[in-house]
C-alpha atoms as a PDB file:
ATOM      1  CA  MET A   1      16.185 -61.596  40.792  1.00  0.00           C
ATOM      2  CA  GLN A   2      18.127 -62.681  43.779  1.00  0.00           C
ATOM      3  CA  LEU A   3      21.092 -60.937  45.492  1.00  0.00           C
ATOM      4  CA  THR A   4      23.662 -62.074  48.042  1.00  0.00           C
ATOM      5  CA  GLU A   5      25.590 -60.405  50.600  1.00  0.00           C
ATOM      6  CA  THR A   6      28.106 -61.587  53.464  1.00  0.00           C
ATOM      7  CA  GLY A   7      27.850 -60.478  57.011  1.00  0.00           C
ATOM      8  CA  TYR A   8      31.630 -60.438  57.410  1.00  0.00           C
ATOM      9  CA  ALA A   9      32.876 -61.644  60.736  1.00  0.00           C
ATOM     10  CA  LYS A  10      34.126 -58.818  62.921  1.00  0.00           C
ATOM     11  CA  ILE A  11      37.415 -59.167  65.026  1.00  0.00           C
ATOM     12  CA  ASN A  12      38.337 -56.669  67.673  1.00  0.00           C
ATOM     13  CA  LEU A  13      42.353 -56.741  67.022  1.00  0.00           C
ATOM     14  CA  ALA A  14      42.529 -54.777  70.147  1.00  0.00           C
ATOM     15  CA  LEU A  15      40.065 -53.484  72.527  1.00  0.00           C
ATOM     16  CA  HIS A  16      40.659 -51.061  75.407  1.00  0.00           C
ATOM     17  CA  VAL A  17      38.216 -50.229  77.941  1.00  0.00           C
ATOM     18  CA  ARG A  18      38.781 -46.638  79.331  1.00  0.00           C
ATOM     19  CA  LYS A  19      35.843 -46.106  81.750  1.00  0.00           C
ATOM     20  CA  ARG A  20      32.150 -46.611  82.476  1.00  0.00           C
ATOM     21  CA  ARG A  21      29.972 -43.730  81.432  1.00  0.00           C
ATOM     22  CA  ASP A  22      27.198 -42.238  83.445  1.00  0.00           C
ATOM     23  CA  ASP A  23      24.574 -43.743  81.065  1.00  0.00           C
ATOM     24  CA  GLY A  24      25.861 -47.362  81.897  1.00  0.00           C
ATOM     25  CA  TYR A  25      27.767 -47.698  78.619  1.00  0.00           C
ATOM     26  CA  HIS A  26      31.530 -47.963  78.366  1.00  0.00           C
ATOM     27  CA  GLU A  27      33.999 -45.677  76.753  1.00  0.00           C
ATOM     28  CA  LEU A  28      36.061 -48.039  74.366  1.00  0.00           C
ATOM     29  CA  GLU A  29      39.011 -47.787  71.968  1.00  0.00           C
ATOM     30  CA  THR A  30      39.161 -50.495  69.408  1.00  0.00           C
ATOM     31  CA  LEU A  31      40.555 -51.636  66.120  1.00  0.00           C
ATOM     32  CA  PHE A  32      37.818 -53.466  64.106  1.00  0.00           C
ATOM     33  CA  ALA A  33      38.905 -55.824  61.399  1.00  0.00           C
ATOM     34  CA  PHE A  34      36.786 -58.200  59.277  1.00  0.00           C
ATOM     35  CA  ALA A  35      37.302 -61.370  57.773  1.00  0.00           C
ATOM     36  CA  GLN A  36      36.372 -62.495  54.288  1.00  0.00           C
ATOM     37  CA  ASP A  37      33.910 -64.980  55.705  1.00  0.00           C
ATOM     38  CA  GLY A  38      30.723 -64.760  57.791  1.00  0.00           C
ATOM     39  CA  ASP A  39      26.860 -65.381  57.540  1.00  0.00           C
ATOM     40  CA  VAL A  40      25.435 -65.071  54.074  1.00  0.00           C
ATOM     41  CA  LEU A  41      22.156 -63.300  53.230  1.00  0.00           C
ATOM     42  CA  THR A  42      20.283 -63.392  50.218  1.00  0.00           C
ATOM     43  CA  ALA A  43      17.155 -61.405  49.272  1.00  0.00           C
ATOM     44  CA  ALA A  44      14.564 -61.520  46.434  1.00  0.00           C
ATOM     45  CA  PRO A  45      11.818 -59.018  45.766  1.00  0.00           C
ATOM     46  CA  ASP A  46       8.454 -59.845  47.344  1.00  0.00           C
ATOM     47  CA  SER A  47       5.195 -58.136  48.230  1.00  0.00           C
ATOM     48  CA  GLY A  48       5.965 -58.320  51.971  1.00  0.00           C
ATOM     49  CA  LEU A  49       9.070 -58.298  54.194  1.00  0.00           C
ATOM     50  CA  SER A  50       9.906 -61.931  55.562  1.00  0.00           C
ATOM     51  CA  LEU A  51      12.969 -63.623  57.019  1.00  0.00           C
ATOM     52  CA  ILE A  52      13.981 -67.215  56.629  1.00  0.00           C
ATOM     53  CA  LEU A  53      16.672 -68.529  58.967  1.00  0.00           C
ATOM     54  CA  ALA A  54      18.973 -71.318  57.965  1.00  0.00           C
ATOM     55  CA  GLY A  55      22.476 -72.712  58.720  1.00  0.00           C
ATOM     56  CA  PRO A  56      24.055 -74.423  61.403  1.00  0.00           C
ATOM     57  CA  PHE A  57      23.641 -71.580  64.057  1.00  0.00           C
ATOM     58  CA  ALA A  58      19.936 -70.787  63.143  1.00  0.00           C
ATOM     59  CA  ASP A  59      18.429 -72.676  66.130  1.00  0.00           C
ATOM     60  CA  GLY A  60      17.464 -70.269  68.874  1.00  0.00           C
ATOM     61  CA  LEU A  61      17.203 -67.408  66.553  1.00  0.00           C
ATOM     62  CA  THR A  62      13.577 -66.089  65.819  1.00  0.00           C
ATOM     63  CA  ALA A  63      12.504 -64.465  62.541  1.00  0.00           C
ATOM     64  CA  ASP A  64      10.493 -61.793  64.143  1.00  0.00           C
ATOM     65  CA  ALA A  65      10.307 -58.048  64.481  1.00  0.00           C
ATOM     66  CA  ASP A  66      13.111 -58.135  67.006  1.00  0.00           C
ATOM     67  CA  ASN A  67      15.481 -59.785  64.698  1.00  0.00           C
ATOM     68  CA  LEU A  68      18.321 -57.278  63.810  1.00  0.00           C
ATOM     69  CA  VAL A  69      18.085 -58.167  60.053  1.00  0.00           C
ATOM     70  CA  LEU A  70      14.328 -57.303  59.858  1.00  0.00           C
ATOM     71  CA  ARG A  71      14.712 -54.283  62.178  1.00  0.00           C
ATOM     72  CA  ALA A  72      17.570 -53.143  59.451  1.00  0.00           C
ATOM     73  CA  ALA A  73      15.185 -53.681  56.738  1.00  0.00           C
ATOM     74  CA  MET A  74      12.423 -51.808  58.305  1.00  0.00           C
ATOM     75  CA  ALA A  75      14.614 -48.903  59.172  1.00  0.00           C
ATOM     76  CA  LEU A  76      15.897 -48.545  55.578  1.00  0.00           C
ATOM     77  CA  ARG A  77      12.467 -48.742  54.288  1.00  0.00           C
ATOM     78  CA  GLY A  78      11.332 -46.009  56.693  1.00  0.00           C
ATOM     79  CA  ALA A  79      14.103 -43.754  55.974  1.00  0.00           C
ATOM     80  CA  THR A  80      13.537 -43.617  52.251  1.00  0.00           C
ATOM     81  CA  GLY A  81       9.767 -43.616  52.509  1.00  0.00           C
ATOM     82  CA  LYS A  82       9.321 -46.417  50.044  1.00  0.00           C
ATOM     83  CA  GLY A  83       7.189 -49.561  50.643  1.00  0.00           C
ATOM     84  CA  GLN A  84       9.429 -52.172  49.090  1.00  0.00           C
ATOM     85  CA  GLY A  85       9.382 -55.890  50.224  1.00  0.00           C
ATOM     86  CA  ALA A  86      11.812 -58.737  50.193  1.00  0.00           C
ATOM     87  CA  ARG A  87      12.096 -62.440  50.919  1.00  0.00           C
ATOM     88  CA  ILE A  88      15.316 -62.446  52.891  1.00  0.00           C
ATOM     89  CA  THR A  89      17.172 -65.642  53.931  1.00  0.00           C
ATOM     90  CA  LEU A  90      19.926 -65.539  56.614  1.00  0.00           C
ATOM     91  CA  ASP A  91      22.382 -68.609  56.390  1.00  0.00           C
ATOM     92  CA  LYS A  92      23.778 -68.338  59.936  1.00  0.00           C
ATOM     93  CA  ARG A  93      27.340 -69.637  59.873  1.00  0.00           C
ATOM     94  CA  LEU A  94      28.748 -67.898  62.845  1.00  0.00           C
ATOM     95  CA  PRO A  95      28.098 -68.753  66.245  1.00  0.00           C
ATOM     96  CA  VAL A  96      25.557 -66.476  68.121  1.00  0.00           C
ATOM     97  CA  ALA A  97      26.843 -64.015  70.639  1.00  0.00           C
ATOM     98  CA  SER A  98      30.401 -64.921  70.215  1.00  0.00           C
ATOM     99  CA  GLY A  99      32.272 -61.555  70.068  1.00  0.00           C
ATOM    100  CA  ILE A 100      32.504 -61.510  66.207  1.00  0.00           C
ATOM    101  CA  GLY A 101      29.686 -59.349  65.079  1.00  0.00           C
ATOM    102  CA  GLY A 102      26.984 -61.716  64.729  1.00  0.00           C
ATOM    103  CA  GLY A 103      23.596 -59.804  64.627  1.00  0.00           C
ATOM    104  CA  SER A 104      25.571 -56.560  63.963  1.00  0.00           C
ATOM    105  CA  ALA A 105      27.235 -57.922  61.008  1.00  0.00           C
ATOM    106  CA  ASP A 106      24.003 -59.417  59.672  1.00  0.00           C
ATOM    107  CA  ALA A 107      21.989 -56.047  60.189  1.00  0.00           C
ATOM    108  CA  ALA A 108      25.009 -54.053  58.324  1.00  0.00           C
ATOM    109  CA  ALA A 109      24.757 -56.778  55.461  1.00  0.00           C
ATOM    110  CA  ALA A 110      20.985 -56.517  55.339  1.00  0.00           C
ATOM    111  CA  LEU A 111      21.343 -52.658  54.822  1.00  0.00           C
ATOM    112  CA  ARG A 112      23.898 -53.373  51.949  1.00  0.00           C
ATOM    113  CA  LEU A 113      21.925 -55.985  50.373  1.00  0.00           C
ATOM    114  CA  LEU A 114      18.542 -54.237  50.410  1.00  0.00           C
ATOM    115  CA  SER A 115      20.127 -50.969  49.193  1.00  0.00           C
ATOM    116  CA  LYS A 116      21.052 -52.848  46.025  1.00  0.00           C
ATOM    117  CA  LEU A 117      17.942 -54.779  45.857  1.00  0.00           C
ATOM    118  CA  TRP A 118      15.635 -51.663  46.201  1.00  0.00           C
ATOM    119  CA  GLN A 119      18.059 -49.431  44.160  1.00  0.00           C
ATOM    120  CA  ILE A 120      18.498 -47.129  47.076  1.00  0.00           C
ATOM    121  CA  ASP A 121      21.563 -44.647  47.061  1.00  0.00           C
ATOM    122  CA  LEU A 122      21.671 -43.126  50.132  1.00  0.00           C
ATOM    123  CA  PRO A 123      24.762 -40.854  51.270  1.00  0.00           C
ATOM    124  CA  GLU A 124      27.292 -42.788  53.568  1.00  0.00           C
ATOM    125  CA  ASP A 125      26.345 -40.428  56.321  1.00  0.00           C
ATOM    126  CA  ARG A 126      22.755 -41.285  56.363  1.00  0.00           C
ATOM    127  CA  MET A 127      23.535 -45.062  56.098  1.00  0.00           C
ATOM    128  CA  LEU A 128      25.796 -44.709  59.075  1.00  0.00           C
ATOM    129  CA  ALA A 129      22.968 -43.015  60.939  1.00  0.00           C
ATOM    130  CA  ILE A 130      20.526 -45.820  60.194  1.00  0.00           C
ATOM    131  CA  ALA A 131      23.245 -48.277  61.143  1.00  0.00           C
ATOM    132  CA  ALA A 132      23.934 -46.606  64.581  1.00  0.00           C
ATOM    133  CA  ASP A 133      20.376 -46.624  65.609  1.00  0.00           C
ATOM    134  CA  LEU A 134      20.737 -50.568  65.240  1.00  0.00           C
ATOM    135  CA  GLY A 135      23.505 -51.070  67.439  1.00  0.00           C
ATOM    136  CA  ALA A 136      26.910 -49.766  68.495  1.00  0.00           C
ATOM    137  CA  ASP A 137      29.023 -52.068  66.179  1.00  0.00           C
ATOM    138  CA  VAL A 138      26.599 -51.821  63.133  1.00  0.00           C
ATOM    139  CA  PRO A 139      28.389 -48.688  61.647  1.00  0.00           C
ATOM    140  CA  ALA A 140      31.817 -50.425  61.661  1.00  0.00           C
ATOM    141  CA  CYS A 141      30.073 -53.635  60.315  1.00  0.00           C
ATOM    142  CA  LEU A 142      28.476 -51.535  57.635  1.00  0.00           C
ATOM    143  CA  ARG A 143      31.868 -50.673  56.219  1.00  0.00           C
ATOM    144  CA  SER A 144      33.345 -53.873  56.877  1.00  0.00           C
ATOM    145  CA  ARG A 145      36.784 -52.718  56.584  1.00  0.00           C
ATOM    146  CA  THR A 146      39.482 -51.922  59.149  1.00  0.00           C
ATOM    147  CA  VAL A 147      38.570 -48.754  61.294  1.00  0.00           C
ATOM    148  CA  VAL A 148      39.442 -47.338  64.602  1.00  0.00           C
ATOM    149  CA  GLY A 149      36.352 -47.243  66.797  1.00  0.00           C
ATOM    150  CA  SER A 150      35.884 -45.023  69.912  1.00  0.00           C
ATOM    151  CA  GLY A 151      33.096 -43.861  72.180  1.00  0.00           C
ATOM    152  CA  THR A 152      30.909 -46.757  72.582  1.00  0.00           C
ATOM    153  CA  GLY A 153      32.375 -48.174  69.386  1.00  0.00           C
ATOM    154  CA  GLY A 154      30.308 -46.152  66.889  1.00  0.00           C
ATOM    155  CA  GLN A 155      32.721 -43.340  66.442  1.00  0.00           C
ATOM    156  CA  LEU A 156      34.854 -44.355  63.384  1.00  0.00           C
ATOM    157  CA  ALA A 157      38.247 -43.048  62.083  1.00  0.00           C
ATOM    158  CA  PRO A 158      40.096 -44.315  59.135  1.00  0.00           C
ATOM    159  CA  PHE A 159      43.043 -46.745  59.512  1.00  0.00           C
ATOM    160  CA  ASP A 160      45.808 -46.719  57.020  1.00  0.00           C
ATOM    161  CA  SER A 161      48.048 -49.629  57.421  1.00  0.00           C
ATOM    162  CA  ASP A 162      49.072 -52.652  55.029  1.00  0.00           C
ATOM    163  CA  ASP A 163      49.595 -55.024  57.863  1.00  0.00           C
ATOM    164  CA  VAL A 164      46.068 -56.072  58.183  1.00  0.00           C
ATOM    165  CA  ALA A 165      44.441 -56.963  55.011  1.00  0.00           C
ATOM    166  CA  GLY A 166      45.511 -60.274  53.650  1.00  0.00           C
ATOM    167  CA  THR A 167      46.532 -61.594  57.339  1.00  0.00           C
ATOM    168  CA  HIS A 168      45.714 -65.320  57.611  1.00  0.00           C
ATOM    169  CA  ILE A 169      43.631 -65.591  60.838  1.00  0.00           C
ATOM    170  CA  LEU A 170      42.142 -68.727  62.735  1.00  0.00           C
ATOM    171  CA  LEU A 171      39.050 -68.210  64.782  1.00  0.00           C
ATOM    172  CA  VAL A 172      38.185 -70.595  67.574  1.00  0.00           C
ATOM    173  CA  ASN A 173      35.180 -70.692  69.654  1.00  0.00           C
ATOM    174  CA  PRO A 174      34.346 -73.232  72.385  1.00  0.00           C
ATOM    175  CA  LEU A 175      30.531 -73.033  71.761  1.00  0.00           C
ATOM    176  CA  LYS A 176      29.921 -71.736  75.221  1.00  0.00           C
ATOM    177  CA  SER A 177      27.585 -68.831  75.815  1.00  0.00           C
ATOM    178  CA  CYS A 178      29.361 -65.500  76.765  1.00  0.00           C
ATOM    179  CA  PRO A 179      26.949 -62.647  77.166  1.00  0.00           C
ATOM    180  CA  THR A 180      28.277 -59.296  76.496  1.00  0.00           C
ATOM    181  CA  GLY A 181      26.543 -57.683  79.597  1.00  0.00           C
ATOM    182  CA  PRO A 182      28.130 -59.795  82.250  1.00  0.00           C
ATOM    183  CA  VAL A 183      31.343 -59.451  80.768  1.00  0.00           C
ATOM    184  CA  PHE A 184      31.320 -55.605  80.825  1.00  0.00           C
ATOM    185  CA  LYS A 185      29.850 -55.933  84.404  1.00  0.00           C
ATOM    186  CA  ALA A 186      32.825 -58.202  85.575  1.00  0.00           C
ATOM    187  CA  TRP A 187      35.520 -55.650  84.260  1.00  0.00           C
ATOM    188  CA  ASP A 188      37.478 -54.400  87.055  1.00  0.00           C
ATOM    189  CA  GLY A 189      37.092 -50.678  86.160  1.00  0.00           C
ATOM    190  CA  VAL A 190      40.732 -50.050  85.883  1.00  0.00           C
ATOM    191  CA  ASP A 191      41.823 -47.835  83.008  1.00  0.00           C
ATOM    192  CA  ARG A 192      45.328 -49.366  81.478  1.00  0.00           C
ATOM    193  CA  GLY A 193      45.896 -46.752  79.073  1.00  0.00           C
ATOM    194  CA  ALA A 194      45.046 -45.537  75.594  1.00  0.00           C
ATOM    195  CA  LEU A 195      45.102 -47.491  72.370  1.00  0.00           C
ATOM    196  CA  ASP A 196      47.705 -46.640  69.733  1.00  0.00           C
ATOM    197  CA  PRO A 197      45.959 -48.355  66.551  1.00  0.00           C
ATOM    198  CA  HIS A 198      49.359 -48.655  64.869  1.00  0.00           C
ATOM    199  CA  GLU A 199      50.777 -50.610  67.712  1.00  0.00           C
ATOM    200  CA  TRP A 200      47.897 -52.914  67.971  1.00  0.00           C
ATOM    201  CA  ARG A 201      49.978 -56.025  68.074  1.00  0.00           C
ATOM    202  CA  HIS A 202      51.415 -54.844  71.228  1.00  0.00           C
ATOM    203  CA  ALA A 203      47.829 -53.729  72.616  1.00  0.00           C
ATOM    204  CA  ARG A 204      45.268 -55.923  74.404  1.00  0.00           C
ATOM    205  CA  ASN A 205      41.718 -56.915  75.024  1.00  0.00           C
ATOM    206  CA  ASP A 206      40.649 -55.636  78.399  1.00  0.00           C
ATOM    207  CA  LEU A 207      37.674 -58.069  78.520  1.00  0.00           C
ATOM    208  CA  GLU A 208      39.625 -61.159  78.223  1.00  0.00           C
ATOM    209  CA  THR A 209      40.270 -61.404  82.052  1.00  0.00           C
ATOM    210  CA  PRO A 210      36.518 -60.986  83.033  1.00  0.00           C
ATOM    211  CA  ALA A 211      35.379 -63.155  80.073  1.00  0.00           C
ATOM    212  CA  MET A 212      37.685 -65.910  81.067  1.00  0.00           C
ATOM    213  CA  ILE A 213      36.311 -65.598  84.802  1.00  0.00           C
ATOM    214  CA  LEU A 214      32.958 -66.325  83.368  1.00  0.00           C
ATOM    215  CA  VAL A 215      33.729 -68.657  80.635  1.00  0.00           C
ATOM    216  CA  THR A 216      36.792 -70.774  81.931  1.00  0.00           C
ATOM    217  CA  GLU A 217      37.062 -72.518  78.462  1.00  0.00           C
ATOM    218  CA  ILE A 218      38.148 -69.316  77.014  1.00  0.00           C
ATOM    219  CA  SER A 219      41.535 -69.735  78.728  1.00  0.00           C
ATOM    220  CA  ARG A 220      41.991 -73.184  77.253  1.00  0.00           C
ATOM    221  CA  VAL A 221      41.326 -71.788  73.821  1.00  0.00           C
ATOM    222  CA  LEU A 222      43.849 -69.163  74.173  1.00  0.00           C
ATOM    223  CA  ALA A 223      46.300 -71.647  75.481  1.00  0.00           C
ATOM    224  CA  LEU A 224      45.819 -74.165  72.653  1.00  0.00           C
ATOM    225  CA  LEU A 225      46.127 -71.362  70.019  1.00  0.00           C
ATOM    226  CA  LYS A 226      49.322 -70.158  71.652  1.00  0.00           C
ATOM    227  CA  ALA A 227      50.837 -73.474  71.448  1.00  0.00           C
ATOM    228  CA  GLN A 228      50.353 -73.625  67.710  1.00  0.00           C
ATOM    229  CA  THR A 229      53.406 -73.360  65.499  1.00  0.00           C
ATOM    230  CA  GLY A 230      53.335 -69.865  63.622  1.00  0.00           C
ATOM    231  CA  ALA A 231      50.856 -68.289  65.876  1.00  0.00           C
ATOM    232  CA  ASN A 232      52.384 -64.758  66.089  1.00  0.00           C
ATOM    233  CA  LEU A 233      49.608 -63.044  67.951  1.00  0.00           C
ATOM    234  CA  VAL A 234      46.692 -64.762  69.988  1.00  0.00           C
ATOM    235  CA  ARG A 235      43.847 -62.755  71.594  1.00  0.00           C
ATOM    236  CA  MET A 236      40.212 -62.833  72.165  1.00  0.00           C
ATOM    237  CA  SER A 237      37.691 -60.986  70.121  1.00  0.00           C
ATOM    238  CA  GLY A 238      35.211 -58.554  71.673  1.00  0.00           C
ATOM    239  CA  SER A 239      33.491 -59.734  74.797  1.00  0.00           C
ATOM    240  CA  GLY A 240      34.140 -63.285  73.872  1.00  0.00           C
ATOM    241  CA  ALA A 241      34.230 -66.220  73.670  1.00  0.00           C
ATOM    242  CA  THR A 242      35.859 -66.355  70.025  1.00  0.00           C
ATOM    243  CA  CYS A 243      39.590 -66.049  70.191  1.00  0.00           C
ATOM    244  CA  PHE A 244      41.945 -65.724  67.272  1.00  0.00           C
ATOM    245  CA  GLY A 245      45.427 -66.480  66.021  1.00  0.00           C
ATOM    246  CA  LEU A 246      47.300 -64.761  63.314  1.00  0.00           C
ATOM    247  CA  PHE A 247      49.659 -66.581  60.939  1.00  0.00           C
ATOM    248  CA  ALA A 248      52.214 -65.651  58.591  1.00  0.00           C
ATOM    249  CA  THR A 249      50.927 -68.211  55.959  1.00  0.00           C
ATOM    250  CA  GLY A 250      47.921 -69.910  55.222  1.00  0.00           C
ATOM    251  CA  ARG A 251      49.796 -73.287  55.514  1.00  0.00           C
ATOM    252  CA  LEU A 252      50.582 -72.489  59.224  1.00  0.00           C
ATOM    253  CA  ARG A 253      47.085 -71.477  59.846  1.00  0.00           C
ATOM    254  CA  ASP A 254      45.521 -74.475  58.231  1.00  0.00           C
ATOM    255  CA  ALA A 255      48.007 -76.791  60.143  1.00  0.00           C
ATOM    256  CA  ALA A 256      46.983 -75.172  63.204  1.00  0.00           C
ATOM    257  CA  ALA A 257      43.385 -75.526  62.454  1.00  0.00           C
ATOM    258  CA  ALA A 258      43.776 -79.314  61.757  1.00  0.00           C
ATOM    259  CA  SER A 259      45.531 -79.747  65.024  1.00  0.00           C
ATOM    260  CA  ILE A 260      43.108 -78.020  67.275  1.00  0.00           C
ATOM    261  CA  ALA A 261      40.077 -79.830  65.260  1.00  0.00           C
ATOM    262  CA  ALA A 262      41.623 -83.090  66.212  1.00  0.00           C
ATOM    263  CA  ALA A 263      42.171 -82.221  69.829  1.00  0.00           C
ATOM    264  CA  ARG A 264      38.895 -80.337  70.243  1.00  0.00           C
ATOM    265  CA  PRO A 265      36.276 -81.617  67.641  1.00  0.00           C
ATOM    266  CA  ASP A 266      33.619 -80.031  69.716  1.00  0.00           C
ATOM    267  CA  TRP A 267      34.927 -76.527  68.994  1.00  0.00           C
ATOM    268  CA  TRP A 268      34.039 -74.312  66.256  1.00  0.00           C
ATOM    269  CA  LEU A 269      36.904 -73.225  63.738  1.00  0.00           C
ATOM    270  CA  LEU A 270      36.916 -70.901  60.886  1.00  0.00           C
ATOM    271  CA  PRO A 271      40.386 -70.564  58.999  1.00  0.00           C
ATOM    272  CA  THR A 272      40.018 -67.407  56.981  1.00  0.00           C
ATOM    273  CA  VAL A 273      41.739 -64.122  55.897  1.00  0.00           C
ATOM    274  CA  LEU A 274      41.380 -60.593  57.027  1.00  0.00           C
ATOM    275  CA  ARG A 275      39.784 -58.257  54.292  1.00  0.00           C
END
């Protein structure tokens, strides 16, 4: 028996940074959304617990105990007191450290996948607690549905709206490293106001400016996306360097993808749809 699960790409449709906390983390307000595509995990029963890395962005990752997929597997196994094993394969299709979930989405997918493989049915609050111990974004990625995040991102609230799911989106990354820590450190500390989730199209990403200072290519990505016909919202996701454009139709999105791919064949693109 082999099962498959997707680590859905995470998109911050808006991200407001409110303040830096005494513990060094930042108070955030964000609207998480998820694409229907992402990394792909497969798992089959095995006597031990192992991870195989594959895919275009597997280079540079290690399949050791620090990998978030294995950490998620061990956390789930520890929480249930059962000694199950699994042979897991991670097909890494999303760029690493790119502001669209990455390891967090993969960890969440591992929790969903192994719950099915091992026939574990934990209450949602226990699953979310396991996810929170793995990282601030993992609880949102566990749900992989549009939610409002606050605190450090792990405090989640429902978001009822019909203007997110089904939206055509184009993700673009210049394939330049954009580490989260330095981006937050470069934030100017100015609180520019609270996020009204239902006005997310008129909101902002407060990390865009510091990210552009550190990775100048981000400004080029944003400019090229804004120049595309039909791009009705262009913004950076998370701490970068992935940016996105929203389009009214798949035809407009795909035309924009073809145009950018022709102009910048060295960039990574993903035309997809929000879940």
